Amino acid sequence: MELKMREEMQRAVAGMPATPKSERIRRLKRAGFKQANIARFEGVRDQYVSTIASRITPSSKTALAADDAPAPSRRLELALAPDGRIVIPAQVREAMGLKEGGKLFGRLDDGELRLFTPETGARKLRAIVRKFVPEGVSLSEELIRDRRAEAERENG
């Protein structure tokens, strides 16, 4: 498993106790990590991850906050201060892995403000790119190869 992915997975479960592993597996699965990678990261068999992942309900797959977010709907009521500031509750900040001074990105969709961490944005972007770039293909290597071929044609 590559170091970058391991670090992303560690950030996804930061602050969670080492046990029960099932809760960590659910969080990693909801974060979009592949079953085989979760199994290697947690040191368990793929079948165990599959069994735990099969118990994730459809509503929990799409939840923005982790299991420790306000139940049951994972919806929050936030107050808007006179200066326009919104306070994000501690349990939500913890579930998102936010620290003081951390960054959030936001997107306005049909009157809804959606907040996400840079890590979540990068993970979603990688998932989009994966749809168009086959596994094992390196776009940077292809670009370098094309540039070298172009330089050879120009230099004759």
N, C-alpha and C. Protein backbone atom coordinates (compact mmCIF):
# COMPACT_ATOMS: atom_id res chain seq x y z
N MET A 1 0.86 -1.17 0.00
CA MET A 1 0.00 0.00 0.00
C MET A 1 0.90 1.23 0.00
N GLU A 2 0.59 2.18 -0.87
CA GLU A 2 1.44 3.35 -0.96
C GLU A 2 1.29 4.23 0.28
N LEU A 3 2.37 4.94 0.57
CA LEU A 3 2.44 5.76 1.78
C LEU A 3 1.35 6.82 1.81
N LYS A 4 1.09 7.45 0.68
CA LYS A 4 0.10 8.52 0.63
C LYS A 4 -1.29 8.00 1.02
N MET A 5 -1.65 6.81 0.50
CA MET A 5 -2.95 6.25 0.82
C MET A 5 -3.01 5.88 2.30
N ARG A 6 -1.94 5.30 2.82
CA ARG A 6 -1.90 4.95 4.25
C ARG A 6 -2.10 6.20 5.10
N GLU A 7 -1.46 7.31 4.72
CA GLU A 7 -1.61 8.55 5.47
C GLU A 7 -3.04 9.07 5.39
N GLU A 8 -3.68 8.97 4.22
CA GLU A 8 -5.07 9.40 4.07
C GLU A 8 -5.99 8.55 4.96
N MET A 9 -5.71 7.26 5.00
CA MET A 9 -6.52 6.38 5.82
C MET A 9 -6.31 6.69 7.31
N GLN A 10 -5.08 6.99 7.69
CA GLN A 10 -4.82 7.34 9.09
C GLN A 10 -5.55 8.62 9.46
N ARG A 11 -5.58 9.60 8.53
CA ARG A 11 -6.33 10.84 8.80
C ARG A 11 -7.82 10.55 8.93
N ALA A 12 -8.33 9.63 8.12
CA ALA A 12 -9.76 9.32 8.13
C ALA A 12 -10.20 8.72 9.47
N VAL A 13 -9.31 8.00 10.14
CA VAL A 13 -9.67 7.37 11.41
C VAL A 13 -8.99 8.05 12.61
N ALA A 14 -8.41 9.21 12.37
CA ALA A 14 -7.73 9.94 13.45
C ALA A 14 -8.70 10.19 14.60
N GLY A 15 -8.22 9.95 15.79
CA GLY A 15 -9.03 10.19 16.97
C GLY A 15 -9.93 9.04 17.36
N MET A 16 -10.01 8.03 16.51
CA MET A 16 -10.85 6.86 16.83
C MET A 16 -10.02 5.86 17.63
N PRO A 17 -10.63 5.15 18.55
CA PRO A 17 -9.90 4.11 19.26
C PRO A 17 -9.55 2.96 18.32
N ALA A 18 -8.52 2.20 18.68
CA ALA A 18 -8.08 1.09 17.83
C ALA A 18 -9.15 0.00 17.73
N THR A 19 -9.97 -0.12 18.74
CA THR A 19 -11.06 -1.09 18.70
C THR A 19 -12.36 -0.37 19.02
N PRO A 20 -13.49 -0.76 18.53
CA PRO A 20 -13.67 -1.89 17.65
C PRO A 20 -13.26 -1.55 16.21
N LYS A 21 -12.64 -2.51 15.58
CA LYS A 21 -12.19 -2.31 14.21
C LYS A 21 -13.37 -2.09 13.26
N SER A 22 -14.50 -2.65 13.60
CA SER A 22 -15.67 -2.53 12.71
C SER A 22 -16.03 -1.07 12.48
N GLU A 23 -15.94 -0.24 13.53
CA GLU A 23 -16.27 1.18 13.38
C GLU A 23 -15.25 1.88 12.48
N ARG A 24 -13.99 1.52 12.63
CA ARG A 24 -12.94 2.10 11.77
C ARG A 24 -13.16 1.67 10.32
N ILE A 25 -13.52 0.41 10.12
CA ILE A 25 -13.76 -0.11 8.77
C ILE A 25 -14.94 0.61 8.14
N ARG A 26 -16.01 0.82 8.90
CA ARG A 26 -17.17 1.54 8.36
C ARG A 26 -16.79 2.95 7.95
N ARG A 27 -16.01 3.63 8.78
CA ARG A 27 -15.62 5.00 8.45
C ARG A 27 -14.76 5.02 7.18
N LEU A 28 -13.82 4.09 7.08
CA LEU A 28 -12.95 4.03 5.90
C LEU A 28 -13.76 3.70 4.64
N LYS A 29 -14.71 2.79 4.77
CA LYS A 29 -15.55 2.42 3.62
C LYS A 29 -16.38 3.60 3.17
N ARG A 30 -16.98 4.33 4.14
CA ARG A 30 -17.78 5.52 3.78
C ARG A 30 -16.91 6.59 3.15
N ALA A 31 -15.62 6.62 3.54
CA ALA A 31 -14.71 7.62 2.97
C ALA A 31 -14.29 7.25 1.55
N GLY A 32 -14.67 6.04 1.09
CA GLY A 32 -14.42 5.69 -0.31
C GLY A 32 -13.20 4.83 -0.56
N PHE A 33 -12.56 4.31 0.48
CA PHE A 33 -11.39 3.47 0.27
C PHE A 33 -11.82 2.07 -0.17
N LYS A 34 -10.97 1.43 -0.96
CA LYS A 34 -11.27 0.09 -1.48
C LYS A 34 -11.14 -0.95 -0.37
N GLN A 35 -11.95 -1.99 -0.51
CA GLN A 35 -12.01 -3.07 0.48
C GLN A 35 -10.64 -3.68 0.74
N ALA A 36 -9.88 -3.99 -0.32
CA ALA A 36 -8.58 -4.63 -0.15
C ALA A 36 -7.61 -3.73 0.61
N ASN A 37 -7.65 -2.43 0.33
CA ASN A 37 -6.78 -1.49 1.02
C ASN A 37 -7.15 -1.37 2.50
N ILE A 38 -8.46 -1.38 2.78
CA ILE A 38 -8.90 -1.32 4.17
C ILE A 38 -8.42 -2.56 4.92
N ALA A 39 -8.54 -3.72 4.28
CA ALA A 39 -8.12 -4.97 4.92
C ALA A 39 -6.63 -4.93 5.25
N ARG A 40 -5.81 -4.48 4.31
CA ARG A 40 -4.37 -4.39 4.57
C ARG A 40 -4.08 -3.38 5.68
N PHE A 41 -4.76 -2.24 5.64
CA PHE A 41 -4.53 -1.20 6.63
C PHE A 41 -4.90 -1.67 8.04
N GLU A 42 -6.01 -2.38 8.16
CA GLU A 42 -6.49 -2.84 9.47
C GLU A 42 -5.91 -4.19 9.86
N GLY A 43 -5.24 -4.87 8.95
CA GLY A 43 -4.64 -6.17 9.26
C GLY A 43 -5.68 -7.26 9.43
N VAL A 44 -6.72 -7.22 8.59
CA VAL A 44 -7.78 -8.23 8.64
C VAL A 44 -7.98 -8.80 7.24
N ARG A 45 -8.79 -9.83 7.14
CA ARG A 45 -9.08 -10.44 5.85
C ARG A 45 -10.11 -9.62 5.08
N ASP A 46 -10.05 -9.72 3.74
CA ASP A 46 -11.00 -9.00 2.88
C ASP A 46 -12.45 -9.37 3.23
N GLN A 47 -12.68 -10.65 3.54
CA GLN A 47 -14.03 -11.11 3.84
C GLN A 47 -14.60 -10.40 5.07
N TYR A 48 -13.75 -10.16 6.07
CA TYR A 48 -14.20 -9.44 7.26
C TYR A 48 -14.64 -8.02 6.88
N VAL A 49 -13.84 -7.35 6.06
CA VAL A 49 -14.20 -5.99 5.62
C VAL A 49 -15.51 -6.04 4.84
N SER A 50 -15.66 -7.03 3.97
CA SER A 50 -16.87 -7.17 3.18
C SER A 50 -18.10 -7.35 4.06
N THR A 51 -17.96 -8.18 5.08
CA THR A 51 -19.07 -8.43 6.00
C THR A 51 -19.46 -7.16 6.74
N ILE A 52 -18.47 -6.45 7.25
CA ILE A 52 -18.74 -5.20 7.97
C ILE A 52 -19.34 -4.17 7.03
N ALA A 53 -18.78 -4.04 5.83
CA ALA A 53 -19.26 -3.05 4.86
C ALA A 53 -20.69 -3.34 4.42
N SER A 54 -21.06 -4.61 4.38
CA SER A 54 -22.42 -4.97 3.96
C SER A 54 -23.46 -4.51 4.97
N ARG A 55 -23.02 -4.22 6.19
CA ARG A 55 -23.93 -3.78 7.24
C ARG A 55 -24.09 -2.27 7.29
N ILE A 56 -23.44 -1.57 6.37
CA ILE A 56 -23.60 -0.11 6.32
C ILE A 56 -24.91 0.20 5.62
N THR A 57 -25.76 0.95 6.29
CA THR A 57 -27.06 1.27 5.70
C THR A 57 -26.89 2.34 4.63
N PRO A 58 -27.83 2.41 3.68
CA PRO A 58 -27.72 3.42 2.62
C PRO A 58 -27.59 4.84 3.17
N SER A 59 -28.30 5.17 4.25
CA SER A 59 -28.21 6.53 4.77
C SER A 59 -26.84 6.80 5.37
N SER A 60 -26.19 5.77 5.95
CA SER A 60 -24.88 6.00 6.55
C SER A 60 -23.80 6.09 5.49
N LYS A 61 -24.02 5.54 4.29
CA LYS A 61 -23.03 5.63 3.23
C LYS A 61 -22.86 7.07 2.75
N THR A 62 -23.95 7.83 2.83
CA THR A 62 -23.89 9.19 2.31
C THR A 62 -23.73 10.24 3.39
N ALA A 63 -23.66 9.82 4.63
CA ALA A 63 -23.55 10.78 5.73
C ALA A 63 -22.25 11.54 5.65
N LEU A 64 -22.32 12.84 5.87
CA LEU A 64 -21.11 13.65 5.83
C LEU A 64 -20.31 13.50 7.11
N ALA A 65 -20.99 13.29 8.22
CA ALA A 65 -20.29 13.16 9.49
C ALA A 65 -20.12 11.70 9.85
N ALA A 66 -19.26 11.43 10.81
CA ALA A 66 -18.99 10.05 11.23
C ALA A 66 -20.08 9.56 12.17
N ASP A 67 -19.90 8.32 12.64
CA ASP A 67 -20.90 7.70 13.50
C ASP A 67 -21.19 8.50 14.75
N ASP A 68 -20.23 9.28 15.23
CA ASP A 68 -20.44 10.02 16.46
C ASP A 68 -21.10 11.38 16.23
N ALA A 69 -21.58 11.64 15.02
CA ALA A 69 -22.28 12.88 14.74
C ALA A 69 -23.68 12.80 15.33
N PRO A 70 -24.36 13.94 15.43
CA PRO A 70 -25.68 13.94 16.03
C PRO A 70 -26.62 12.95 15.33
N ALA A 71 -27.26 12.11 16.10
CA ALA A 71 -28.19 11.13 15.54
C ALA A 71 -29.58 11.73 15.55
N PRO A 72 -30.55 11.22 14.87
CA PRO A 72 -30.44 10.10 13.95
C PRO A 72 -30.19 10.51 12.51
N SER A 73 -30.49 11.75 12.14
CA SER A 73 -30.45 12.10 10.72
C SER A 73 -29.13 12.69 10.27
N ARG A 74 -28.22 12.97 11.19
CA ARG A 74 -26.94 13.59 10.88
C ARG A 74 -27.12 15.04 10.37
N ARG A 75 -28.28 15.59 10.60
CA ARG A 75 -28.53 16.98 10.23
C ARG A 75 -28.24 17.84 11.46
N LEU A 76 -27.75 19.02 11.20
CA LEU A 76 -27.38 19.91 12.29
C LEU A 76 -28.14 21.21 12.18
N GLU A 77 -28.39 21.81 13.33
CA GLU A 77 -28.93 23.16 13.35
C GLU A 77 -27.82 24.05 13.85
N LEU A 78 -27.37 24.95 13.01
CA LEU A 78 -26.26 25.85 13.35
C LEU A 78 -26.79 27.27 13.42
N ALA A 79 -26.26 28.03 14.35
CA ALA A 79 -26.68 29.43 14.51
C ALA A 79 -25.75 30.33 13.73
N LEU A 80 -26.33 31.33 13.11
CA LEU A 80 -25.56 32.33 12.37
C LEU A 80 -25.39 33.55 13.27
N ALA A 81 -24.15 33.89 13.57
CA ALA A 81 -23.86 35.05 14.42
C ALA A 81 -24.10 36.34 13.63
N PRO A 82 -24.24 37.47 14.32
CA PRO A 82 -24.48 38.74 13.63
C PRO A 82 -23.39 39.08 12.61
N ASP A 83 -22.15 38.63 12.86
CA ASP A 83 -21.08 38.93 11.91
C ASP A 83 -21.00 37.92 10.77
N GLY A 84 -21.96 36.96 10.71
CA GLY A 84 -22.01 35.99 9.63
C GLY A 84 -21.26 34.70 9.89
N ARG A 85 -20.69 34.56 11.06
CA ARG A 85 -19.92 33.35 11.37
C ARG A 85 -20.84 32.21 11.80
N ILE A 86 -20.40 31.00 11.45
CA ILE A 86 -21.11 29.80 11.86
C ILE A 86 -20.14 28.96 12.69
N VAL A 87 -20.62 28.46 13.82
CA VAL A 87 -19.78 27.60 14.65
C VAL A 87 -20.10 26.15 14.30
N ILE A 88 -19.07 25.39 13.97
CA ILE A 88 -19.23 23.96 13.68
C ILE A 88 -18.99 23.22 14.99
N PRO A 89 -19.95 22.41 15.43
CA PRO A 89 -19.80 21.71 16.71
C PRO A 89 -18.54 20.84 16.76
N ALA A 90 -18.00 20.69 17.96
CA ALA A 90 -16.75 19.95 18.16
C ALA A 90 -16.81 18.54 17.60
N GLN A 91 -17.93 17.82 17.82
CA GLN A 91 -18.00 16.45 17.35
C GLN A 91 -17.96 16.37 15.82
N VAL A 92 -18.48 17.38 15.15
CA VAL A 92 -18.44 17.40 13.68
C VAL A 92 -17.02 17.74 13.23
N ARG A 93 -16.39 18.71 13.89
CA ARG A 93 -15.00 19.04 13.54
C ARG A 93 -14.11 17.82 13.72
N GLU A 94 -14.33 17.10 14.80
CA GLU A 94 -13.53 15.90 15.06
C GLU A 94 -13.77 14.84 13.99
N ALA A 95 -15.04 14.63 13.63
CA ALA A 95 -15.38 13.63 12.62
C ALA A 95 -14.77 13.99 11.26
N MET A 96 -14.64 15.29 10.98
CA MET A 96 -14.06 15.73 9.71
C MET A 96 -12.54 15.83 9.77
N GLY A 97 -11.98 15.65 10.96
CA GLY A 97 -10.53 15.75 11.11
C GLY A 97 -10.03 17.17 11.07
N LEU A 98 -10.86 18.12 11.49
CA LEU A 98 -10.49 19.54 11.45
C LEU A 98 -9.76 19.94 12.72
N LYS A 99 -8.72 20.71 12.55
CA LYS A 99 -7.97 21.28 13.67
C LYS A 99 -8.11 22.80 13.60
N GLU A 100 -7.76 23.46 14.69
CA GLU A 100 -7.80 24.93 14.70
C GLU A 100 -6.91 25.46 13.58
N GLY A 101 -7.43 26.39 12.81
CA GLY A 101 -6.69 26.96 11.70
C GLY A 101 -6.76 26.13 10.43
N GLY A 102 -7.45 24.99 10.49
CA GLY A 102 -7.58 24.12 9.32
C GLY A 102 -8.44 24.78 8.25
N LYS A 103 -8.40 24.19 7.07
CA LYS A 103 -9.16 24.77 5.95
C LYS A 103 -10.34 23.91 5.59
N LEU A 104 -11.37 24.57 5.12
CA LEU A 104 -12.55 23.93 4.56
C LEU A 104 -12.82 24.56 3.21
N PHE A 105 -13.33 23.75 2.31
CA PHE A 105 -13.82 24.28 1.04
C PHE A 105 -15.33 24.21 1.08
N GLY A 106 -15.96 25.05 0.32
CA GLY A 106 -17.41 25.05 0.28
C GLY A 106 -17.91 25.15 -1.14
N ARG A 107 -19.14 24.65 -1.32
CA ARG A 107 -19.78 24.71 -2.63
C ARG A 107 -21.25 25.01 -2.39
N LEU A 108 -21.77 25.93 -3.17
CA LEU A 108 -23.18 26.28 -3.06
C LEU A 108 -23.94 25.51 -4.13
N ASP A 109 -24.81 24.60 -3.71
CA ASP A 109 -25.60 23.77 -4.61
C ASP A 109 -27.08 23.98 -4.33
N ASP A 110 -27.76 24.62 -5.25
CA ASP A 110 -29.21 24.79 -5.15
C ASP A 110 -29.63 25.31 -3.77
N GLY A 111 -28.93 26.34 -3.31
CA GLY A 111 -29.27 26.96 -2.03
C GLY A 111 -28.71 26.25 -0.82
N GLU A 112 -27.95 25.18 -1.00
CA GLU A 112 -27.33 24.46 0.11
C GLU A 112 -25.84 24.71 0.10
N LEU A 113 -25.29 25.02 1.27
CA LEU A 113 -23.85 25.18 1.40
C LEU A 113 -23.27 23.84 1.83
N ARG A 114 -22.38 23.30 1.03
CA ARG A 114 -21.75 22.02 1.33
C ARG A 114 -20.29 22.29 1.67
N LEU A 115 -19.88 21.88 2.86
CA LEU A 115 -18.51 22.09 3.32
C LEU A 115 -17.76 20.77 3.27
N PHE A 116 -16.49 20.84 2.85
CA PHE A 116 -15.68 19.63 2.81
C PHE A 116 -14.22 19.99 3.01
N THR A 117 -13.46 19.02 3.50
CA THR A 117 -12.03 19.22 3.74
C THR A 117 -11.26 19.09 2.43
N PRO A 118 -10.07 19.65 2.36
CA PRO A 118 -9.25 19.47 1.15
C PRO A 118 -9.01 17.98 0.85
N GLU A 119 -8.86 17.16 1.88
CA GLU A 119 -8.64 15.73 1.67
C GLU A 119 -9.84 15.09 1.01
N THR A 120 -11.03 15.45 1.46
CA THR A 120 -12.25 14.90 0.86
C THR A 120 -12.38 15.36 -0.58
N GLY A 121 -12.09 16.63 -0.85
CA GLY A 121 -12.14 17.13 -2.22
C GLY A 121 -11.16 16.39 -3.12
N ALA A 122 -9.95 16.17 -2.63
CA ALA A 122 -8.94 15.46 -3.42
C ALA A 122 -9.37 14.02 -3.68
N ARG A 123 -9.94 13.36 -2.66
CA ARG A 123 -10.39 11.98 -2.83
C ARG A 123 -11.49 11.88 -3.87
N LYS A 124 -12.44 12.82 -3.84
CA LYS A 124 -13.53 12.81 -4.82
C LYS A 124 -13.00 13.11 -6.22
N LEU A 125 -12.04 14.02 -6.31
CA LEU A 125 -11.45 14.33 -7.60
C LEU A 125 -10.72 13.12 -8.18
N ARG A 126 -9.97 12.40 -7.32
CA ARG A 126 -9.28 11.19 -7.79
C ARG A 126 -10.28 10.15 -8.29
N ALA A 127 -11.43 10.04 -7.61
CA ALA A 127 -12.46 9.09 -8.03
C ALA A 127 -13.01 9.46 -9.41
N ILE A 128 -13.17 10.75 -9.67
CA ILE A 128 -13.64 11.19 -10.98
C ILE A 128 -12.61 10.86 -12.05
N VAL A 129 -11.35 11.15 -11.76
CA VAL A 129 -10.27 10.89 -12.73
C VAL A 129 -10.17 9.40 -13.01
N ARG A 130 -10.33 8.57 -11.96
CA ARG A 130 -10.24 7.11 -12.13
C ARG A 130 -11.24 6.58 -13.14
N LYS A 131 -12.37 7.27 -13.30
CA LYS A 131 -13.38 6.84 -14.26
C LYS A 131 -12.88 6.96 -15.70
N PHE A 132 -11.95 7.89 -15.93
CA PHE A 132 -11.49 8.17 -17.28
C PHE A 132 -10.07 7.69 -17.57
N VAL A 133 -9.31 7.38 -16.53
CA VAL A 133 -7.93 6.93 -16.70
C VAL A 133 -7.83 5.50 -16.17
N PRO A 134 -7.50 4.55 -17.06
CA PRO A 134 -7.41 3.15 -16.60
C PRO A 134 -6.35 2.98 -15.53
N GLU A 135 -6.56 1.97 -14.66
CA GLU A 135 -5.60 1.66 -13.60
C GLU A 135 -4.26 1.30 -14.23
N GLY A 136 -3.19 1.80 -13.64
CA GLY A 136 -1.85 1.49 -14.13
C GLY A 136 -1.35 2.47 -15.18
N VAL A 137 -2.20 3.38 -15.64
CA VAL A 137 -1.79 4.39 -16.63
C VAL A 137 -1.31 5.63 -15.89
N SER A 138 -0.13 6.11 -16.27
CA SER A 138 0.42 7.31 -15.67
C SER A 138 0.34 8.44 -16.69
N LEU A 139 -0.52 9.41 -16.43
CA LEU A 139 -0.68 10.52 -17.36
C LEU A 139 0.61 11.34 -17.48
N SER A 140 1.34 11.47 -16.39
CA SER A 140 2.59 12.23 -16.44
C SER A 140 3.61 11.51 -17.32
N GLU A 141 3.68 10.18 -17.22
CA GLU A 141 4.61 9.42 -18.07
C GLU A 141 4.22 9.54 -19.54
N GLU A 142 2.92 9.49 -19.83
CA GLU A 142 2.46 9.66 -21.21
C GLU A 142 2.82 11.04 -21.73
N LEU A 143 2.66 12.07 -20.92
CA LEU A 143 3.00 13.43 -21.33
C LEU A 143 4.50 13.55 -21.62
N ILE A 144 5.32 13.01 -20.74
CA ILE A 144 6.78 13.05 -20.95
C ILE A 144 7.15 12.32 -22.23
N ARG A 145 6.57 11.15 -22.45
CA ARG A 145 6.85 10.37 -23.65
C ARG A 145 6.45 11.15 -24.91
N ASP A 146 5.27 11.80 -24.87
CA ASP A 146 4.81 12.60 -26.01
C ASP A 146 5.74 13.79 -26.27
N ARG A 147 6.17 14.44 -25.21
CA ARG A 147 7.06 15.60 -25.37
C ARG A 147 8.41 15.19 -25.96
N ARG A 148 8.93 14.06 -25.51
CA ARG A 148 10.21 13.57 -26.05
C ARG A 148 10.08 13.21 -27.52
N ALA A 149 8.98 12.56 -27.88
CA ALA A 149 8.77 12.20 -29.28
C ALA A 149 8.63 13.45 -30.13
N GLU A 150 7.95 14.45 -29.62
CA GLU A 150 7.80 15.72 -30.34
C GLU A 150 9.15 16.42 -30.52
N ALA A 151 9.97 16.40 -29.48
CA ALA A 151 11.30 17.01 -29.56
C ALA A 151 12.18 16.28 -30.59
N GLU A 152 12.08 14.96 -30.64
CA GLU A 152 12.84 14.19 -31.62
C GLU A 152 12.40 14.52 -33.04
N ARG A 153 11.09 14.68 -33.25
CA ARG A 153 10.60 15.04 -34.59
C ARG A 153 11.10 16.42 -34.99
N GLU A 154 11.12 17.36 -34.06
CA GLU A 154 11.57 18.71 -34.36
C GLU A 154 13.08 18.76 -34.65
N ASN A 155 13.86 17.94 -33.96
CA ASN A 155 15.31 17.94 -34.14
C ASN A 155 15.75 17.01 -35.26
N GLY A 156 14.81 16.28 -35.81
CA GLY A 156 15.02 15.45 -37.00
C GLY A 156 15.92 14.33 -36.84
